[in-house]
Amino acid sequence: MGLFDLLSANRSENLFLPAHGRGNALPKKIKNLLKLRPGIWDLPELFEIGGPLIREGAIAESQKSSAYEVGVDRCWYGVNGATGLLQSALLALARPGQAVLMPRNIHKSCIHACLFGGLVPLLFDVPYLSDRGHASVFDKKWLQSVFKKVKEFEEDIAAVVLVNPTYQGYSADIESLIKEIHSHCLPVLVDEAHGAQLISQVSPDLPKSAISFGADLVVHSLHKSAPGLVQSAVLWSQGDKVDPFNIERSIELLQTSSPSSLLLASCESSIKELIESKGIKKLKSRIEEAKLLKDFLINKKVPLLKTSDPLRIILHTSKFGLSGIEVDKRFIKKRIIGELAEPGTLTFCLGLSSHKRLGKRFVRTWNEILTSSGEQKACFFKRPPFSIVTRPLKPFTYSWGSNFEKVKLQDAIGRISVEMVCPYPPGIPLLIPGEILDEARVEWLIEQKCFWPEQISDFVRVIC
């Protein structure tokens, strides 16, 4: 089937991102805009429109209004997804040669930013859930142990990056983590790509956005947990730890000089949906519907994992010895298409559209998979062999640009990688340029290759 046929087909249960569910939950203003003469909205940075970095015009006024409504000092709309704004934020925080402290479950875009900016990625380990193969959240005590270890590296640390919530929806006590980082006089950037809906504060049972607790910079992907079009995002800034000039200079470096007017309009409309009464009412309705669906599935003995995100369903396949990657293929055959297939789980994103008829189909499909697979023992995953804090053995830019050779994984012990090994999604690197492949890492990567056969190669590129 060709690209245009695929884009126009809509015969499946869409449980993947973007959260607007194939247009069902797009804001009314965007729907009306798309009904007009085709392409009428495809405009350049005309004087009246402006752009994210232009002081006057409709975009400047819109960004100013959004920042005021959310309660921060500044914001910038992005048309290169959370990726572009995370990278811009990192480059604004640190100078070449400085280090940035970030968790091992960081998105690959932040690793790429370190390459662009000549930064040193100091990666710290996070708790691990061996029954499902997920990185977990950590607490203040864990972070304190990280800072204690960091002193041994004698690096000039410029900032700390946090990921909250995770792709699967796990959320930490982000307030205590931000306070701890600020006590070390460091700014904090929070990758809240999967948590834009948190600014709505629709329920006291749900986590609050890192914005509420004084995070210096926060990035939201507006298509992952808000009704934005793909590539729409926003960077929020507050306080005096980060100079807005540095942020804008970095955005100018990494974002297109011809931003899409449609995507910029989508940024404005999706943020309004999260902060205005009508949009909040719709979000509450979707959350209540999701709770009922989850209760139904649990009552039917479907193994779901609990996270802080009410709009995600995490099917715990490894509890029955099944790979989420293989289970995903079976669901797709039944036209139930999920978002994130992993070795131990399959994540479905309910998004902001309705799925009232999903329950029985989901149960029937899962039971068919169980019946055909037979009884199998629960599968557990080996904890990654990471130290509490690590840095690349060789400088990042040197490793990336070095001459290399391609060797089999089992022959790579003692060699230094020039590439990133990173199943996508979720886009979390297992190996980054400059890291040494010791025996434990090689054995673990070979094991991961068995779990991700189509994502991890038998070979790795290393410095000659």
Protein backbone atom coordinates (compact mmCIF):
# COMPACT_ATOMS: atom_id res chain seq x y z
CA MET A 1 0.00 0.00 0.00
CA GLY A 2 1.39 3.43 -0.96
CA LEU A 3 1.95 6.38 1.38
CA PHE A 4 -1.17 8.29 0.34
CA ASP A 5 -3.33 5.18 0.73
CA LEU A 6 -1.93 4.61 4.21
CA LEU A 7 -2.52 8.22 5.23
CA SER A 8 -6.15 8.10 4.13
CA ALA A 9 -6.95 4.65 5.59
CA ASN A 10 -8.64 4.58 8.99
CA ARG A 11 -9.98 1.12 9.62
CA SER A 12 -8.23 0.37 12.92
CA GLU A 13 -8.51 1.09 16.63
CA ASN A 14 -5.91 3.84 16.91
CA LEU A 15 -4.14 3.43 20.26
CA PHE A 16 -0.98 5.24 19.26
CA LEU A 17 0.25 8.81 19.16
CA PRO A 18 -0.55 11.55 18.24
CA ALA A 19 -3.06 11.91 21.05
CA HIS A 20 -5.72 13.52 18.84
CA GLY A 21 -6.59 10.03 17.50
CA ARG A 22 -6.48 10.54 13.73
CA GLY A 23 -8.11 13.95 14.11
CA ASN A 24 -11.00 12.97 16.37
CA ALA A 25 -9.78 15.14 19.25
CA LEU A 26 -8.21 18.01 17.35
CA PRO A 27 -9.19 21.44 18.71
CA LYS A 28 -12.22 22.92 16.96
CA LYS A 29 -10.25 25.88 15.57
CA ILE A 30 -7.74 23.55 13.89
CA LYS A 31 -10.53 21.40 12.47
CA ASN A 32 -12.20 24.51 11.02
CA LEU A 33 -8.89 25.72 9.61
CA LEU A 34 -8.32 22.40 7.83
CA LYS A 35 -11.79 22.58 6.27
CA LEU A 36 -10.89 25.75 4.39
CA ARG A 37 -9.45 25.83 0.89
CA PRO A 38 -6.47 23.42 0.83
CA GLY A 39 -3.20 25.13 1.69
CA ILE A 40 -4.70 28.51 2.57
CA TRP A 41 -3.01 28.25 5.97
CA ASP A 42 0.45 27.53 4.50
CA LEU A 43 1.97 30.98 5.02
CA PRO A 44 5.48 32.36 5.65
CA GLU A 45 6.53 34.63 8.50
CA LEU A 46 4.49 37.60 7.28
CA PHE A 47 4.71 40.78 9.37
CA GLU A 48 1.29 40.18 10.97
CA ILE A 49 2.11 36.55 11.76
CA GLY A 50 5.74 36.73 12.88
CA GLY A 51 7.45 33.66 14.30
CA PRO A 52 8.69 32.09 17.55
CA LEU A 53 11.78 34.33 17.64
CA ILE A 54 10.22 37.53 16.27
CA ARG A 55 9.29 40.19 18.82
CA GLU A 56 6.07 41.34 17.12
CA GLY A 57 3.18 39.63 15.40
CA ALA A 58 0.50 37.09 16.22
CA ILE A 59 2.96 34.36 17.27
CA ALA A 60 4.74 36.65 19.73
CA GLU A 61 1.41 37.66 21.26
CA SER A 62 0.28 34.05 21.41
CA GLN A 63 3.47 32.91 23.17
CA LYS A 64 3.20 35.78 25.64
CA SER A 65 -0.42 34.87 26.37
CA SER A 66 0.36 31.15 26.82
CA ALA A 67 3.23 31.89 29.21
CA TYR A 68 0.99 34.17 31.27
CA GLU A 69 -1.83 31.61 31.44
CA VAL A 70 0.50 28.81 32.51
CA GLY A 71 2.31 31.04 35.01
CA VAL A 72 5.85 31.16 33.61
CA ASP A 73 8.05 33.97 32.35
CA ARG A 74 8.53 32.95 28.73
CA CYS A 75 7.66 30.26 26.22
CA TRP A 76 8.63 29.36 22.67
CA TYR A 77 6.60 27.26 20.26
CA GLY A 78 8.47 24.57 18.36
CA VAL A 79 7.87 22.92 14.99
CA ASN A 80 10.59 20.27 15.28
CA GLY A 81 8.94 18.35 18.09
CA ALA A 82 10.20 18.06 21.65
CA THR A 83 13.49 16.95 20.09
CA GLY A 84 14.33 20.41 18.73
CA LEU A 85 13.40 22.24 21.92
CA LEU A 86 15.16 19.79 24.25
CA GLN A 87 18.31 20.22 22.20
CA SER A 88 17.93 24.01 22.16
CA ALA A 89 17.42 24.04 25.92
CA LEU A 90 20.54 21.95 26.54
CA LEU A 91 22.71 24.16 24.35
CA ALA A 92 21.39 27.19 26.23
CA LEU A 93 22.36 25.64 29.56
CA ALA A 94 25.96 24.63 28.94
CA ARG A 95 29.12 25.77 27.15
CA PRO A 96 31.40 23.47 25.15
CA GLY A 97 33.46 21.31 27.50
CA GLN A 98 30.97 21.51 30.36
CA ALA A 99 29.13 18.45 31.63
CA VAL A 100 25.39 17.84 31.88
CA LEU A 101 24.08 15.34 34.42
CA MET A 102 21.28 13.22 32.99
CA PRO A 103 19.60 9.86 33.69
CA ARG A 104 20.32 6.69 31.72
CA ASN A 105 16.74 6.67 30.41
CA ILE A 106 17.31 9.99 28.65
CA HIS A 107 15.96 10.39 25.12
CA LYS A 108 18.53 10.12 22.33
CA SER A 109 17.86 13.73 21.29
CA CYS A 110 19.69 14.94 24.42
CA ILE A 111 22.69 12.77 23.58
CA HIS A 112 22.72 14.29 20.10
CA ALA A 113 22.62 17.78 21.65
CA CYS A 114 25.77 16.94 23.62
CA LEU A 115 27.42 16.09 20.32
CA PHE A 116 26.29 19.37 18.70
CA GLY A 117 27.45 21.47 21.64
CA GLY A 118 30.63 19.65 22.63
CA LEU A 119 29.10 18.80 26.00
CA VAL A 120 30.06 15.92 28.28
CA PRO A 121 27.09 13.63 29.07
CA LEU A 122 27.39 12.42 32.65
CA LEU A 123 24.88 9.57 32.77
CA PHE A 124 23.50 8.30 36.05
CA ASP A 125 21.79 4.98 36.59
CA VAL A 126 18.11 4.73 37.60
CA PRO A 127 16.11 2.02 39.39
CA TYR A 128 15.07 -0.91 37.24
CA LEU A 129 11.90 -3.03 37.18
CA SER A 130 13.15 -6.51 36.27
CA ASP A 131 9.66 -8.03 35.98
CA ARG A 132 8.91 -5.82 32.94
CA GLY A 133 12.25 -4.45 31.73
CA HIS A 134 11.50 -0.79 32.43
CA ALA A 135 13.59 2.00 33.85
CA SER A 136 11.81 3.28 36.94
CA VAL A 137 11.68 6.59 38.76
CA PHE A 138 14.02 7.55 41.60
CA ASP A 139 13.71 9.58 44.77
CA LYS A 140 15.67 12.32 46.51
CA LYS A 141 17.89 9.82 48.33
CA TRP A 142 18.87 8.21 45.02
CA LEU A 143 19.69 11.62 43.54
CA GLN A 144 21.79 12.52 46.57
CA SER A 145 23.88 9.37 46.05
CA VAL A 146 24.35 10.44 42.43
CA PHE A 147 25.63 13.87 43.46
CA LYS A 148 27.99 12.25 45.97
CA LYS A 149 29.47 10.06 43.23
CA VAL A 150 29.68 12.94 40.75
CA LYS A 151 32.25 14.70 42.95
CA GLU A 152 34.78 12.01 41.99
CA PHE A 153 34.62 13.05 38.33
CA GLU A 154 35.73 16.66 38.92
CA GLU A 155 33.67 17.86 35.96
CA ASP A 156 32.35 21.37 35.47
CA ILE A 157 28.64 20.52 35.66
CA ALA A 158 26.38 23.11 34.06
CA ALA A 159 22.90 21.61 34.54
CA VAL A 160 20.79 18.57 35.29
CA VAL A 161 18.17 16.98 33.05
CA LEU A 162 15.24 14.94 34.37
CA VAL A 163 12.72 12.79 32.49
CA ASN A 164 9.26 12.89 34.04
CA PRO A 165 6.88 11.24 33.34
CA THR A 166 8.48 8.40 31.41
CA TYR A 167 7.18 7.04 28.11
CA GLN A 168 5.13 4.47 30.01
CA GLY A 169 3.76 7.06 32.44
CA TYR A 170 5.81 6.54 35.62
CA SER A 171 6.13 9.76 37.63
CA ALA A 172 8.53 10.65 40.43
CA ASP A 173 8.19 13.08 43.32
CA ILE A 174 9.48 15.76 41.00
CA GLU A 175 9.22 18.56 43.59
CA SER A 176 11.83 16.98 45.88
CA LEU A 177 14.17 16.30 42.94
CA ILE A 178 14.02 19.90 41.70
CA LYS A 179 14.67 21.20 45.24
CA GLU A 180 17.69 18.92 45.57
CA ILE A 181 19.15 20.08 42.25
CA HIS A 182 18.58 23.74 43.10
CA SER A 183 20.34 23.19 46.45
CA HIS A 184 23.46 22.49 44.38
CA CYS A 185 22.94 25.84 42.57
CA LEU A 186 22.28 24.10 39.27
CA PRO A 187 19.47 24.77 36.78
CA VAL A 188 17.17 21.88 35.86
CA LEU A 189 15.63 21.03 32.50
CA VAL A 190 12.68 18.62 32.66
CA ASP A 191 11.81 16.52 29.64
CA GLU A 192 8.06 16.45 30.24
CA ALA A 193 7.32 15.46 26.65
CA HIS A 194 4.79 12.86 27.77
CA GLY A 195 3.21 15.08 30.43
CA ALA A 196 1.77 18.18 28.76
CA GLN A 197 -1.65 17.32 30.21
CA LEU A 198 -0.24 17.83 33.73
CA ILE A 199 -0.57 21.61 33.41
CA SER A 200 -4.36 21.14 33.40
CA GLN A 201 -4.34 19.91 37.02
CA VAL A 202 -7.64 18.14 36.34
CA SER A 203 -7.44 15.95 39.45
CA PRO A 204 -5.55 15.98 42.77
CA ASP A 205 -4.86 12.27 42.15
CA LEU A 206 -2.62 13.08 39.18
CA PRO A 207 0.96 14.40 39.34
CA LYS A 208 1.63 18.09 38.85
CA SER A 209 3.82 19.53 36.14
CA ALA A 210 7.44 20.33 36.97
CA ILE A 211 6.47 23.92 36.13
CA SER A 212 4.54 24.04 39.41
CA PHE A 213 7.71 23.25 41.37
CA GLY A 214 10.05 25.79 39.84
CA ALA A 215 11.81 23.81 37.11
CA ASP A 216 13.87 26.32 35.15
CA LEU A 217 13.07 24.84 31.73
CA VAL A 218 10.32 22.37 30.78
CA VAL A 219 9.64 20.90 27.35
CA HIS A 220 6.23 19.56 26.30
CA SER A 221 5.49 17.57 23.21
CA LEU A 222 2.04 18.81 22.22
CA HIS A 223 1.08 15.74 20.21
CA LYS A 224 1.90 13.13 22.88
CA SER A 225 -0.44 14.22 25.68
CA ALA A 226 -2.21 17.23 24.19
CA PRO A 227 -4.26 17.50 20.97
CA GLY A 228 -1.48 19.01 18.87
CA LEU A 229 -0.31 17.98 15.42
CA VAL A 230 2.88 15.93 15.14
CA GLN A 231 6.03 18.10 15.56
CA SER A 232 4.25 20.73 17.67
CA ALA A 233 5.97 21.44 20.99
CA VAL A 234 6.62 24.17 23.54
CA LEU A 235 9.54 25.20 25.76
CA TRP A 236 8.64 26.94 29.02
CA SER A 237 11.14 29.09 30.95
CA GLN A 238 10.99 30.65 34.41
CA GLY A 239 13.39 32.17 36.92
CA ASP A 240 16.76 33.79 36.33
CA LYS A 241 19.08 30.79 36.04
CA VAL A 242 18.91 30.63 32.22
CA ASP A 243 19.37 33.68 29.99
CA PRO A 244 16.52 33.93 27.41
CA PHE A 245 19.08 35.24 24.90
CA ASN A 246 20.92 31.92 25.07
CA ILE A 247 17.67 30.02 24.58
CA GLU A 248 16.69 32.03 21.51
CA ARG A 249 20.17 31.76 20.02
CA SER A 250 20.01 27.97 20.39
CA ILE A 251 16.50 27.75 18.93
CA GLU A 252 17.66 29.79 15.95
CA LEU A 253 20.54 27.37 15.46
CA LEU A 254 18.42 24.21 15.49
CA GLN A 255 14.94 25.11 14.26
CA THR A 256 13.88 25.90 10.72
CA SER A 257 13.86 29.55 9.62
CA SER A 258 10.55 28.82 7.84
CA PRO A 259 8.26 27.43 10.57
CA SER A 260 4.92 26.00 9.52
CA SER A 261 2.04 28.38 10.29
CA LEU A 262 -0.24 25.37 10.69
CA LEU A 263 2.01 23.81 13.34
CA LEU A 264 2.37 27.13 15.16
CA ALA A 265 -1.42 27.48 15.20
CA SER A 266 -1.59 23.92 16.51
CA CYS A 267 0.75 24.88 19.37
CA GLU A 268 -1.56 27.71 20.40
CA SER A 269 -4.79 25.71 20.12
CA SER A 270 -3.52 22.61 21.93
CA ILE A 271 -2.21 24.67 24.86
CA LYS A 272 -5.55 26.44 25.12
CA GLU A 273 -7.27 23.04 25.27
CA LEU A 274 -5.19 22.24 28.36
CA ILE A 275 -5.90 25.46 30.26
CA GLU A 276 -9.41 26.55 29.24
CA SER A 277 -12.58 25.17 30.81
CA LYS A 278 -13.99 23.39 27.74
CA GLY A 279 -10.75 21.56 27.06
CA ILE A 280 -10.30 20.60 30.71
CA LYS A 281 -13.84 19.25 30.76
CA LYS A 282 -13.06 17.05 27.73
CA LEU A 283 -9.85 15.83 29.35
CA LYS A 284 -11.72 14.90 32.53
CA SER A 285 -14.25 12.98 30.48
CA ARG A 286 -11.52 11.02 28.67
CA ILE A 287 -9.81 10.19 31.96
CA GLU A 288 -13.06 8.91 33.50
CA GLU A 289 -13.72 6.80 30.42
CA ALA A 290 -10.17 5.42 30.59
CA LYS A 291 -10.62 4.45 34.25
CA LEU A 292 -13.77 2.52 33.40
CA LEU A 293 -11.99 0.75 30.54
CA LYS A 294 -9.06 -0.24 32.75
CA ASP A 295 -11.39 -1.51 35.48
CA PHE A 296 -13.20 -3.63 32.88
CA LEU A 297 -9.95 -5.10 31.56
CA ILE A 298 -8.63 -5.87 35.04
CA ASN A 299 -11.91 -7.57 35.98
CA LYS A 300 -11.49 -9.73 32.87
CA LYS A 301 -8.01 -10.79 34.10
CA VAL A 302 -6.07 -8.76 31.55
CA PRO A 303 -2.63 -8.09 33.15
CA LEU A 304 -2.24 -4.31 33.30
CA LEU A 305 0.56 -2.43 35.00
CA LYS A 306 -0.16 0.63 37.09
CA THR A 307 1.42 3.97 36.20
CA SER A 308 0.60 7.60 36.88
CA ASP A 309 -0.81 8.21 33.39
CA PRO A 310 -4.54 7.39 33.23
CA LEU A 311 -4.54 7.55 29.42
CA ARG A 312 -2.01 4.75 28.91
CA ILE A 313 -2.71 1.02 29.05
CA ILE A 314 0.41 -1.05 29.81
CA LEU A 315 -0.16 -4.71 28.97
CA HIS A 316 2.25 -6.85 31.02
CA THR A 317 3.09 -9.54 28.48
CA SER A 318 6.21 -10.92 30.20
CA LYS A 319 4.03 -11.99 33.13
CA PHE A 320 2.94 -14.79 30.80
CA GLY A 321 6.36 -15.28 29.21
CA LEU A 322 5.38 -13.36 26.07
CA SER A 323 7.27 -10.67 24.20
CA GLY A 324 5.39 -7.42 23.82
CA ILE A 325 6.93 -7.12 20.35
CA GLU A 326 5.35 -10.41 19.23
CA VAL A 327 2.05 -9.70 21.01
CA ASP A 328 1.92 -6.36 19.19
CA LYS A 329 1.96 -8.16 15.84
CA ARG A 330 -1.05 -10.25 16.92
CA PHE A 331 -2.98 -7.16 18.03
CA ILE A 332 -2.20 -5.44 14.72
CA LYS A 333 -3.72 -8.38 12.84
CA LYS A 334 -6.92 -7.66 14.78
CA ARG A 335 -6.57 -3.98 13.84
CA ILE A 336 -5.80 -2.82 17.37
CA ILE A 337 -2.64 -0.77 16.91
CA GLY A 338 -0.58 0.13 19.98
CA GLU A 339 2.13 2.71 20.54
CA LEU A 340 5.15 1.05 22.12
CA ALA A 341 6.07 -2.63 21.87
CA GLU A 342 8.87 -3.70 24.22
CA PRO A 343 10.24 -7.12 25.24
CA GLY A 344 8.09 -7.24 28.39
CA THR A 345 5.17 -4.93 27.72
CA LEU A 346 2.91 -3.39 25.11
CA THR A 347 1.83 0.20 25.70
CA PHE A 348 -1.40 1.56 24.24
CA CYS A 349 -2.08 5.31 24.23
CA LEU A 350 -5.76 6.09 24.56
CA GLY A 351 -5.11 9.73 23.77
CA LEU A 352 -7.90 12.27 23.86
CA SER A 353 -10.46 10.53 21.65
CA SER A 354 -13.13 8.09 22.80
CA HIS A 355 -12.71 4.27 22.81
CA LYS A 356 -16.03 3.16 24.30
CA ARG A 357 -16.23 -0.07 22.27
CA LEU A 358 -12.66 -1.17 22.81
CA GLY A 359 -13.01 -3.29 25.97
CA LYS A 360 -14.57 -6.49 24.59
CA ARG A 361 -12.37 -6.51 21.46
CA PHE A 362 -9.26 -6.07 23.61
CA VAL A 363 -10.20 -8.92 25.98
CA ARG A 364 -11.10 -11.24 23.11
CA THR A 365 -7.81 -10.58 21.32
CA TRP A 366 -5.73 -11.05 24.48
CA ASN A 367 -7.46 -14.31 25.37
CA GLU A 368 -6.90 -15.64 21.84
CA ILE A 369 -3.19 -14.85 22.16
CA LEU A 370 -2.98 -16.60 25.52
CA THR A 371 -4.82 -19.66 24.27
CA SER A 372 -2.65 -20.08 21.19
CA SER A 373 0.58 -19.47 23.11
CA GLY A 374 -0.02 -22.02 25.85
CA GLU A 375 1.18 -21.70 29.43
CA GLN A 376 4.63 -20.18 29.83
CA LYS A 377 6.61 -19.01 32.85
CA ALA A 378 6.93 -15.34 33.64
CA CYS A 379 9.97 -13.70 32.09
CA PHE A 380 12.38 -11.52 34.06
CA PHE A 381 15.02 -9.15 32.71
CA LYS A 382 18.61 -8.67 33.78
CA ARG A 383 19.41 -5.26 35.21
CA PRO A 384 21.60 -3.19 32.85
CA PRO A 385 25.29 -3.26 33.92
CA PHE A 386 25.59 0.50 34.49
CA SER A 387 27.57 2.14 37.27
CA ILE A 388 25.81 4.76 39.36
CA VAL A 389 27.50 7.51 37.26
CA THR A 390 29.42 7.09 34.00
CA ARG A 391 30.94 9.27 31.33
CA PRO A 392 32.30 8.34 27.90
CA LEU A 393 35.89 7.11 28.02
CA LYS A 394 36.74 9.20 24.96
CA PRO A 395 35.41 12.70 24.21
CA PHE A 396 32.06 12.55 22.51
CA THR A 397 32.94 14.50 19.37
CA TYR A 398 36.23 12.61 18.96
CA SER A 399 34.49 9.24 19.14
CA TRP A 400 31.74 10.25 16.73
CA GLY A 401 34.22 11.49 14.13
CA SER A 402 36.84 8.76 14.45
CA ASN A 403 37.70 6.20 11.82
CA PHE A 404 35.87 3.00 12.62
CA GLU A 405 35.49 -0.63 11.80
CA LYS A 406 32.50 -2.91 12.05
CA VAL A 407 32.95 -5.90 14.37
CA LYS A 408 30.70 -8.58 15.78
CA LEU A 409 29.26 -7.76 19.19
CA GLN A 410 31.02 -10.71 20.81
CA ASP A 411 34.35 -9.48 19.44
CA ALA A 412 33.89 -5.91 20.69
CA ILE A 413 35.10 -6.39 24.29
CA GLY A 414 37.56 -3.63 25.18
CA ARG A 415 36.70 -1.54 22.13
CA ILE A 416 35.22 1.98 22.09
CA SER A 417 31.96 2.66 20.31
CA VAL A 418 31.52 5.33 17.65
CA GLU A 419 27.78 4.79 17.36
CA MET A 420 24.62 4.83 19.40
CA VAL A 421 22.74 1.58 19.96
CA CYS A 422 19.18 2.69 20.53
CA PRO A 423 15.92 0.79 19.90
CA TYR A 424 13.29 3.27 18.69
CA PRO A 425 10.79 3.63 20.12
CA PRO A 426 11.41 4.21 23.01
CA GLY A 427 14.57 5.99 21.85
CA ILE A 428 16.62 5.33 25.00
CA PRO A 429 20.31 4.64 24.18
CA LEU A 430 21.84 1.37 25.37
CA LEU A 431 25.29 2.51 24.22
CA ILE A 432 26.60 5.95 23.23
CA PRO A 433 29.70 7.07 21.31
CA GLY A 434 32.86 7.06 23.42
CA GLU A 435 31.71 4.33 25.81
CA ILE A 436 33.90 1.30 26.25
CA LEU A 437 32.39 -2.11 25.59
CA ASP A 438 33.49 -4.10 28.61
CA GLU A 439 32.53 -7.75 28.99
CA ALA A 440 29.40 -7.07 31.06
CA ARG A 441 28.10 -4.51 28.53
CA VAL A 442 28.74 -6.83 25.57
CA GLU A 443 26.96 -9.75 27.25
CA TRP A 444 24.02 -7.51 28.07
CA LEU A 445 23.82 -6.12 24.53
CA ILE A 446 23.85 -9.65 23.11
CA GLU A 447 20.95 -10.46 25.42
CA GLN A 448 19.15 -7.30 24.29
CA LYS A 449 19.70 -8.36 20.70
CA CYS A 450 17.62 -11.48 21.47
CA PHE A 451 14.83 -9.30 22.85
CA TRP A 452 14.99 -6.69 20.05
CA PRO A 453 15.97 -8.83 17.02
CA GLU A 454 14.90 -6.25 14.45
CA GLN A 455 16.32 -3.24 16.31
CA ILE A 456 19.79 -4.29 17.47
CA SER A 457 22.44 -5.47 15.04
CA ASP A 458 24.87 -8.38 15.45
CA PHE A 459 27.59 -5.84 14.73
CA VAL A 460 28.83 -2.62 16.32
CA ARG A 461 31.06 0.12 14.92
CA VAL A 462 34.13 0.82 17.05
CA ILE A 463 37.20 3.08 16.85
CA CYS A 464 39.97 1.57 14.71
